[in-house]
PDB file of N, CA and C in Angstrom:
ATOM      1  N   MET A   1      13.008  64.192  10.172  1.00  0.00           N
ATOM      2  CA  MET A   1      13.674  62.949  10.518  1.00  0.00           C
ATOM      3  C   MET A   1      12.708  61.997  11.226  1.00  0.00           C
ATOM      4  N   LYS A   2      11.845  62.592  12.074  1.00  0.00           N
ATOM      5  CA  LYS A   2      10.881  61.785  12.813  1.00  0.00           C
ATOM      6  C   LYS A   2       9.895  61.108  11.862  1.00  0.00           C
ATOM      7  N   LYS A   3       9.495  61.817  10.783  1.00  0.00           N
ATOM      8  CA  LYS A   3       8.568  61.252   9.805  1.00  0.00           C
ATOM      9  C   LYS A   3       9.196  60.065   9.085  1.00  0.00           C
ATOM     10  N   ILE A   4      10.486  60.149   8.793  1.00  0.00           N
ATOM     11  CA  ILE A   4      11.174  59.063   8.096  1.00  0.00           C
ATOM     12  C   ILE A   4      11.220  57.819   8.975  1.00  0.00           C
ATOM     13  N   ILE A   5      11.492  57.983  10.246  1.00  0.00           N
ATOM     14  CA  ILE A   5      11.546  56.845  11.177  1.00  0.00           C
ATOM     15  C   ILE A   5      10.170  56.205  11.310  1.00  0.00           C
ATOM     16  N   ILE A   6       9.129  57.017  11.430  1.00  0.00           N
ATOM     17  CA  ILE A   6       7.768  56.491  11.532  1.00  0.00           C
ATOM     18  C   ILE A   6       7.381  55.776  10.243  1.00  0.00           C
ATOM     19  N   LEU A   7       7.679  56.370   9.090  1.00  0.00           N
ATOM     20  CA  LEU A   7       7.376  55.760   7.799  1.00  0.00           C
ATOM     21  C   LEU A   7       8.116  54.423   7.640  1.00  0.00           C
ATOM     22  N   PHE A   8       9.371  54.386   8.046  1.00  0.00           N
ATOM     23  CA  PHE A   8      10.166  53.165   7.980  1.00  0.00           C
ATOM     24  C   PHE A   8       9.568  52.080   8.881  1.00  0.00           C
ATOM     25  N   GLY A   9       9.178  52.441  10.079  1.00  0.00           N
ATOM     26  CA  GLY A   9       8.563  51.486  11.008  1.00  0.00           C
ATOM     27  C   GLY A   9       7.248  50.936  10.483  1.00  0.00           C
ATOM     28  N   VAL A  10       6.423  51.794   9.906  1.00  0.00           N
ATOM     29  CA  VAL A  10       5.143  51.358   9.345  1.00  0.00           C
ATOM     30  C   VAL A  10       5.373  50.431   8.155  1.00  0.00           C
ATOM     31  N   SER A  11       6.351  50.741   7.309  1.00  0.00           N
ATOM     32  CA  SER A  11       6.608  49.881   6.151  1.00  0.00           C
ATOM     33  C   SER A  11       7.129  48.511   6.581  1.00  0.00           C
ATOM     34  N   ILE A  12       7.950  48.445   7.607  1.00  0.00           N
ATOM     35  CA  ILE A  12       8.421  47.147   8.111  1.00  0.00           C
ATOM     36  C   ILE A  12       7.258  46.363   8.703  1.00  0.00           C
ATOM     37  N   ALA A  13       6.406  47.031   9.452  1.00  0.00           N
ATOM     38  CA  ALA A  13       5.250  46.354  10.046  1.00  0.00           C
ATOM     39  C   ALA A  13       4.328  45.792   8.962  1.00  0.00           C
ATOM     40  N   LEU A  14       4.074  46.557   7.922  1.00  0.00           N
ATOM     41  CA  LEU A  14       3.224  46.089   6.824  1.00  0.00           C
ATOM     42  C   LEU A  14       3.867  44.911   6.096  1.00  0.00           C
ATOM     43  N   THR A  15       5.165  44.958   5.913  1.00  0.00           N
ATOM     44  CA  THR A  15       5.869  43.852   5.257  1.00  0.00           C
ATOM     45  C   THR A  15       5.757  42.579   6.084  1.00  0.00           C
ATOM     46  N   LEU A  16       5.943  42.678   7.387  1.00  0.00           N
ATOM     47  CA  LEU A  16       5.842  41.501   8.251  1.00  0.00           C
ATOM     48  C   LEU A  16       4.433  40.924   8.253  1.00  0.00           C
ATOM     49  N   VAL A  17       3.427  41.778   8.267  1.00  0.00           N
ATOM     50  CA  VAL A  17       2.044  41.305   8.246  1.00  0.00           C
ATOM     51  C   VAL A  17       1.732  40.643   6.907  1.00  0.00           C
ATOM     52  N   ALA A  18       2.216  41.221   5.808  1.00  0.00           N
ATOM     53  CA  ALA A  18       1.956  40.664   4.478  1.00  0.00           C
ATOM     54  C   ALA A  18       2.648  39.321   4.296  1.00  0.00           C
ATOM     55  N   CYS A  19       3.838  39.161   4.839  1.00  0.00           N
ATOM     56  CA  CYS A  19       4.592  37.916   4.683  1.00  0.00           C
ATOM     57  C   CYS A  19       4.104  36.806   5.599  1.00  0.00           C
ATOM     58  N   LYS A  20       3.429  37.144   6.647  1.00  0.00           N
ATOM     59  CA  LYS A  20       3.021  36.128   7.619  1.00  0.00           C
ATOM     60  C   LYS A  20       2.162  35.043   6.983  1.00  0.00           C
ATOM     61  N   GLY A  21       1.309  35.379   6.045  1.00  0.00           N
ATOM     62  CA  GLY A  21       0.426  34.400   5.425  1.00  0.00           C
ATOM     63  C   GLY A  21       1.110  33.499   4.415  1.00  0.00           C
ATOM     64  N   SER A  22       2.167  33.977   3.765  1.00  0.00           N
ATOM     65  CA  SER A  22       2.754  33.183   2.695  1.00  0.00           C
ATOM     66  C   SER A  22       4.086  32.549   3.039  1.00  0.00           C
ATOM     67  N   CYS A  23       4.939  33.222   3.757  1.00  0.00           N
ATOM     68  CA  CYS A  23       6.275  32.685   3.977  1.00  0.00           C
ATOM     69  C   CYS A  23       6.348  31.729   5.167  1.00  0.00           C
ATOM     70  N   CYS A  24       5.379  31.723   6.015  1.00  0.00           N
ATOM     71  CA  CYS A  24       5.449  30.890   7.211  1.00  0.00           C
ATOM     72  C   CYS A  24       4.651  29.596   7.093  1.00  0.00           C
ATOM     73  N   LYS A  25       4.007  29.376   5.965  1.00  0.00           N
ATOM     74  CA  LYS A  25       3.229  28.153   5.795  1.00  0.00           C
ATOM     75  C   LYS A  25       4.149  27.010   5.445  1.00  0.00           C
ATOM     76  N   SER A  26       3.853  25.856   5.970  1.00  0.00           N
ATOM     77  CA  SER A  26       4.622  24.674   5.602  1.00  0.00           C
ATOM     78  C   SER A  26       3.661  23.649   5.029  1.00  0.00           C
ATOM     79  N   GLU A  27       4.220  22.707   4.274  1.00  0.00           N
ATOM     80  CA  GLU A  27       3.404  21.655   3.695  1.00  0.00           C
ATOM     81  C   GLU A  27       2.802  20.813   4.816  1.00  0.00           C
ATOM     82  N   PRO A  28       1.561  20.411   4.684  1.00  0.00           N
ATOM     83  CA  PRO A  28       0.978  19.574   5.728  1.00  0.00           C
ATOM     84  C   PRO A  28       1.690  18.232   5.786  1.00  0.00           C
ATOM     85  N   ALA A  29       1.910  17.778   6.993  1.00  0.00           N
ATOM     86  CA  ALA A  29       2.564  16.483   7.184  1.00  0.00           C
ATOM     87  C   ALA A  29       1.618  15.369   6.777  1.00  0.00           C
ATOM     88  N   ASN A  30       2.165  14.318   6.220  1.00  0.00           N
ATOM     89  CA  ASN A  30       1.367  13.163   5.846  1.00  0.00           C
ATOM     90  C   ASN A  30       1.040  12.398   7.125  1.00  0.00           C
ATOM     91  N   ASN A  31      -0.219  12.297   7.452  1.00  0.00           N
ATOM     92  CA  ASN A  31      -0.634  11.663   8.702  1.00  0.00           C
ATOM     93  C   ASN A  31      -0.809  10.161   8.585  1.00  0.00           C
ATOM     94  N   ASN A  32      -0.396   9.575   7.483  1.00  0.00           N
ATOM     95  CA  ASN A  32      -0.500   8.137   7.296  1.00  0.00           C
ATOM     96  C   ASN A  32       0.625   7.480   8.086  1.00  0.00           C
ATOM     97  N   SER A  33       0.327   7.022   9.297  1.00  0.00           N
ATOM     98  CA  SER A  33       1.360   6.512  10.191  1.00  0.00           C
ATOM     99  C   SER A  33       1.949   5.194   9.729  1.00  0.00           C
ATOM    100  N   SER A  34       1.296   4.491   8.810  1.00  0.00           N
ATOM    101  CA  SER A  34       1.821   3.211   8.352  1.00  0.00           C
ATOM    102  C   SER A  34       2.829   3.366   7.215  1.00  0.00           C
ATOM    103  N   GLN A  35       3.009   4.592   6.716  1.00  0.00           N
ATOM    104  CA  GLN A  35       3.934   4.802   5.618  1.00  0.00           C
ATOM    105  C   GLN A  35       5.286   5.251   6.164  1.00  0.00           C
ATOM    106  N   THR A  36       6.345   4.649   5.644  1.00  0.00           N
ATOM    107  CA  THR A  36       7.696   4.984   6.049  1.00  0.00           C
ATOM    108  C   THR A  36       8.327   5.856   4.977  1.00  0.00           C
ATOM    109  N   PHE A  37       8.837   7.030   5.348  1.00  0.00           N
ATOM    110  CA  PHE A  37       9.470   7.921   4.385  1.00  0.00           C
ATOM    111  C   PHE A  37      10.988   7.916   4.494  1.00  0.00           C
ATOM    112  N   ASN A  38      11.545   7.202   5.443  1.00  0.00           N
ATOM    113  CA  ASN A  38      12.996   7.109   5.562  1.00  0.00           C
ATOM    114  C   ASN A  38      13.423   5.653   5.397  1.00  0.00           C
ATOM    115  N   LEU A  39      12.970   5.047   4.338  1.00  0.00           N
ATOM    116  CA  LEU A  39      13.175   3.638   4.061  1.00  0.00           C
ATOM    117  C   LEU A  39      14.651   3.347   3.800  1.00  0.00           C
ATOM    118  N   ASP A  40      15.174   2.274   4.388  1.00  0.00           N
ATOM    119  CA  ASP A  40      16.550   1.846   4.164  1.00  0.00           C
ATOM    120  C   ASP A  40      16.548   0.827   3.028  1.00  0.00           C
ATOM    121  N   THR A  41      16.947   1.262   1.836  1.00  0.00           N
ATOM    122  CA  THR A  41      16.904   0.382   0.668  1.00  0.00           C
ATOM    123  C   THR A  41      17.966  -0.709   0.725  1.00  0.00           C
ATOM    124  N   LEU A  42      18.954  -0.576   1.600  1.00  0.00           N
ATOM    125  CA  LEU A  42      19.974  -1.617   1.730  1.00  0.00           C
ATOM    126  C   LEU A  42      19.384  -2.897   2.314  1.00  0.00           C
ATOM    127  N   LYS A  43      18.291  -2.776   3.047  1.00  0.00           N
ATOM    128  CA  LYS A  43      17.645  -3.936   3.657  1.00  0.00           C
ATOM    129  C   LYS A  43      16.681  -4.645   2.700  1.00  0.00           C
ATOM    130  N   LEU A  44      16.410  -4.032   1.550  1.00  0.00           N
ATOM    131  CA  LEU A  44      15.493  -4.640   0.581  1.00  0.00           C
ATOM    132  C   LEU A  44      16.217  -5.707  -0.228  1.00  0.00           C
ATOM    133  N   LYS A  45      15.476  -6.711  -0.644  1.00  0.00           N
ATOM    134  CA  LYS A  45      16.015  -7.777  -1.493  1.00  0.00           C
ATOM    135  C   LYS A  45      15.902  -7.362  -2.959  1.00  0.00           C
ATOM    136  N   SER A  46      16.658  -8.036  -3.800  1.00  0.00           N
ATOM    137  CA  SER A  46      16.590  -7.781  -5.234  1.00  0.00           C
ATOM    138  C   SER A  46      15.173  -8.087  -5.736  1.00  0.00           C
ATOM    139  N   GLY A  47      14.606  -7.174  -6.504  1.00  0.00           N
ATOM    140  CA  GLY A  47      13.251  -7.341  -7.021  1.00  0.00           C
ATOM    141  C   GLY A  47      12.179  -6.697  -6.152  1.00  0.00           C
ATOM    142  N   ASP A  48      12.514  -6.308  -4.921  1.00  0.00           N
ATOM    143  CA  ASP A  48      11.542  -5.628  -4.058  1.00  0.00           C
ATOM    144  C   ASP A  48      11.203  -4.250  -4.637  1.00  0.00           C
ATOM    145  N   THR A  49       9.992  -3.812  -4.376  1.00  0.00           N
ATOM    146  CA  THR A  49       9.525  -2.523  -4.872  1.00  0.00           C
ATOM    147  C   THR A  49       9.566  -1.489  -3.758  1.00  0.00           C
ATOM    148  N   PHE A  50      10.025  -0.290  -4.100  1.00  0.00           N
ATOM    149  CA  PHE A  50       9.932   0.844  -3.189  1.00  0.00           C
ATOM    150  C   PHE A  50       9.545   2.058  -4.018  1.00  0.00           C
ATOM    151  N   TYR A  51       9.286   3.165  -3.369  1.00  0.00           N
ATOM    152  CA  TYR A  51       8.784   4.362  -4.049  1.00  0.00           C
ATOM    153  C   TYR A  51       9.682   5.534  -3.687  1.00  0.00           C
ATOM    154  N   GLN A  52       9.974   6.347  -4.711  1.00  0.00           N
ATOM    155  CA  GLN A  52      10.884   7.465  -4.527  1.00  0.00           C
ATOM    156  C   GLN A  52      10.324   8.702  -5.221  1.00  0.00           C
ATOM    157  N   CYS A  53      10.579   9.862  -4.625  1.00  0.00           N
ATOM    158  CA  CYS A  53      10.151  11.126  -5.228  1.00  0.00           C
ATOM    159  C   CYS A  53      11.127  11.501  -6.339  1.00  0.00           C
ATOM    160  N   SER A  54      10.600  11.912  -7.471  1.00  0.00           N
ATOM    161  CA  SER A  54      11.440  12.332  -8.591  1.00  0.00           C
ATOM    162  C   SER A  54      12.161  13.647  -8.297  1.00  0.00           C
ATOM    163  N   MET A  55      11.543  14.478  -7.482  1.00  0.00           N
ATOM    164  CA  MET A  55      12.107  15.795  -7.178  1.00  0.00           C
ATOM    165  C   MET A  55      13.044  15.743  -5.972  1.00  0.00           C
ATOM    166  N   ASP A  56      12.654  15.005  -4.945  1.00  0.00           N
ATOM    167  CA  ASP A  56      13.432  14.889  -3.712  1.00  0.00           C
ATOM    168  C   ASP A  56      13.881  13.438  -3.576  1.00  0.00           C
ATOM    169  N   ALA A  57      15.037  13.122  -4.139  1.00  0.00           N
ATOM    170  CA  ALA A  57      15.506  11.735  -4.218  1.00  0.00           C
ATOM    171  C   ALA A  57      15.734  11.101  -2.850  1.00  0.00           C
ATOM    172  N   GLU A  58      15.885  11.899  -1.811  1.00  0.00           N
ATOM    173  CA  GLU A  58      16.097  11.343  -0.475  1.00  0.00           C
ATOM    174  C   GLU A  58      14.809  10.816   0.158  1.00  0.00           C
ATOM    175  N   VAL A  59      13.661  11.129  -0.448  1.00  0.00           N
ATOM    176  CA  VAL A  59      12.377  10.656   0.062  1.00  0.00           C
ATOM    177  C   VAL A  59      12.091   9.280  -0.533  1.00  0.00           C
ATOM    178  N   LEU A  60      12.173   8.257   0.308  1.00  0.00           N
ATOM    179  CA  LEU A  60      11.916   6.871  -0.084  1.00  0.00           C
ATOM    180  C   LEU A  60      10.781   6.348   0.762  1.00  0.00           C
ATOM    181  N   SER A  61       9.935   5.513   0.178  1.00  0.00           N
ATOM    182  CA  SER A  61       8.781   5.006   0.905  1.00  0.00           C
ATOM    183  C   SER A  61       8.544   3.546   0.563  1.00  0.00           C
ATOM    184  N   ASN A  62       7.870   2.864   1.479  1.00  0.00           N
ATOM    185  CA  ASN A  62       7.507   1.467   1.252  1.00  0.00           C
ATOM    186  C   ASN A  62       6.142   1.335   0.586  1.00  0.00           C
ATOM    187  N   LYS A  63       5.431   2.443   0.401  1.00  0.00           N
ATOM    188  CA  LYS A  63       4.093   2.436  -0.202  1.00  0.00           C
ATOM    189  C   LYS A  63       3.960   3.604  -1.176  1.00  0.00           C
ATOM    190  N   PRO A  64       3.083   3.477  -2.170  1.00  0.00           N
ATOM    191  CA  PRO A  64       2.846   4.625  -3.053  1.00  0.00           C
ATOM    192  C   PRO A  64       2.169   5.747  -2.277  1.00  0.00           C
ATOM    193  N   GLY A  65       2.344   6.941  -2.752  1.00  0.00           N
ATOM    194  CA  GLY A  65       1.726   8.083  -2.089  1.00  0.00           C
ATOM    195  C   GLY A  65       2.316   9.368  -2.629  1.00  0.00           C
ATOM    196  N   LYS A  66       2.254  10.407  -1.824  1.00  0.00           N
ATOM    197  CA  LYS A  66       2.754  11.719  -2.201  1.00  0.00           C
ATOM    198  C   LYS A  66       3.971  12.061  -1.348  1.00  0.00           C
ATOM    199  N   CYS A  67       4.885  12.797  -1.941  1.00  0.00           N
ATOM    200  CA  CYS A  67       6.080  13.259  -1.231  1.00  0.00           C
ATOM    201  C   CYS A  67       5.664  14.256  -0.155  1.00  0.00           C
ATOM    202  N   PRO A  68       6.149  14.077   1.077  1.00  0.00           N
ATOM    203  CA  PRO A  68       5.786  15.021   2.132  1.00  0.00           C
ATOM    204  C   PRO A  68       6.449  16.388   1.964  1.00  0.00           C
ATOM    205  N   LYS A  69       7.473  16.484   1.127  1.00  0.00           N
ATOM    206  CA  LYS A  69       8.161  17.763   0.918  1.00  0.00           C
ATOM    207  C   LYS A  69       7.527  18.589  -0.187  1.00  0.00           C
ATOM    208  N   CYS A  70       7.293  17.953  -1.363  1.00  0.00           N
ATOM    209  CA  CYS A  70       6.828  18.734  -2.519  1.00  0.00           C
ATOM    210  C   CYS A  70       5.424  18.367  -2.980  1.00  0.00           C
ATOM    211  N   GLY A  71       4.888  17.235  -2.507  1.00  0.00           N
ATOM    212  CA  GLY A  71       3.535  16.845  -2.870  1.00  0.00           C
ATOM    213  C   GLY A  71       3.416  16.059  -4.164  1.00  0.00           C
ATOM    214  N   MET A  72       4.547  15.786  -4.835  1.00  0.00           N
ATOM    215  CA  MET A  72       4.499  15.015  -6.078  1.00  0.00           C
ATOM    216  C   MET A  72       4.234  13.544  -5.770  1.00  0.00           C
ATOM    217  N   ASP A  73       3.675  12.825  -6.760  1.00  0.00           N
ATOM    218  CA  ASP A  73       3.470  11.384  -6.613  1.00  0.00           C
ATOM    219  C   ASP A  73       4.823  10.687  -6.577  1.00  0.00           C
ATOM    220  N   LEU A  74       4.934   9.665  -5.725  1.00  0.00           N
ATOM    221  CA  LEU A  74       6.161   8.881  -5.654  1.00  0.00           C
ATOM    222  C   LEU A  74       6.192   7.895  -6.813  1.00  0.00           C
ATOM    223  N   SER A  75       7.373   7.694  -7.396  1.00  0.00           N
ATOM    224  CA  SER A  75       7.557   6.781  -8.523  1.00  0.00           C
ATOM    225  C   SER A  75       7.936   5.396  -8.019  1.00  0.00           C
ATOM    226  N   GLU A  76       7.381   4.383  -8.669  1.00  0.00           N
ATOM    227  CA  GLU A  76       7.678   2.992  -8.298  1.00  0.00           C
ATOM    228  C   GLU A  76       9.046   2.588  -8.847  1.00  0.00           C
ATOM    229  N   ILE A  77       9.855   1.953  -8.000  1.00  0.00           N
ATOM    230  CA  ILE A  77      11.183   1.515  -8.396  1.00  0.00           C
ATOM    231  C   ILE A  77      11.387   0.096  -7.879  1.00  0.00           C
ATOM    232  N   LYS A  78      11.950  -0.764  -8.719  1.00  0.00           N
ATOM    233  CA  LYS A  78      12.283  -2.133  -8.316  1.00  0.00           C
ATOM    234  C   LYS A  78      13.777  -2.189  -8.033  1.00  0.00           C
ATOM    235  N   LYS A  79      14.158  -2.736  -6.884  1.00  0.00           N
ATOM    236  CA  LYS A  79      15.561  -2.863  -6.542  1.00  0.00           C
ATOM    237  C   LYS A  79      16.229  -3.896  -7.421  1.00  0.00           C
ATOM    238  N   LYS A  80      17.392  -3.580  -7.904  1.00  0.00           N
ATOM    239  CA  LYS A  80      18.131  -4.484  -8.801  1.00  0.00           C
ATOM    240  C   LYS A  80      19.001  -5.417  -7.995  1.00  0.00           C
TER     241      LYS A  80
END
């Protein structure tokens, strides 16, 4: 019984060490302080351009760039 408990403890420890490198990483934050990612499109006029992520539709920006969540290029959109 003691061997099973020790084996179980070692396997949990190895799993935690193995996961530390992959599951705890987050995407690097975009350090471009002049870019707005929570743009209020209601304040834009008709014909104004803004940028939106195709994958994460809630990510809106006033400038072209990359999505801070998934890293995809933002698509240009003209307000109607």
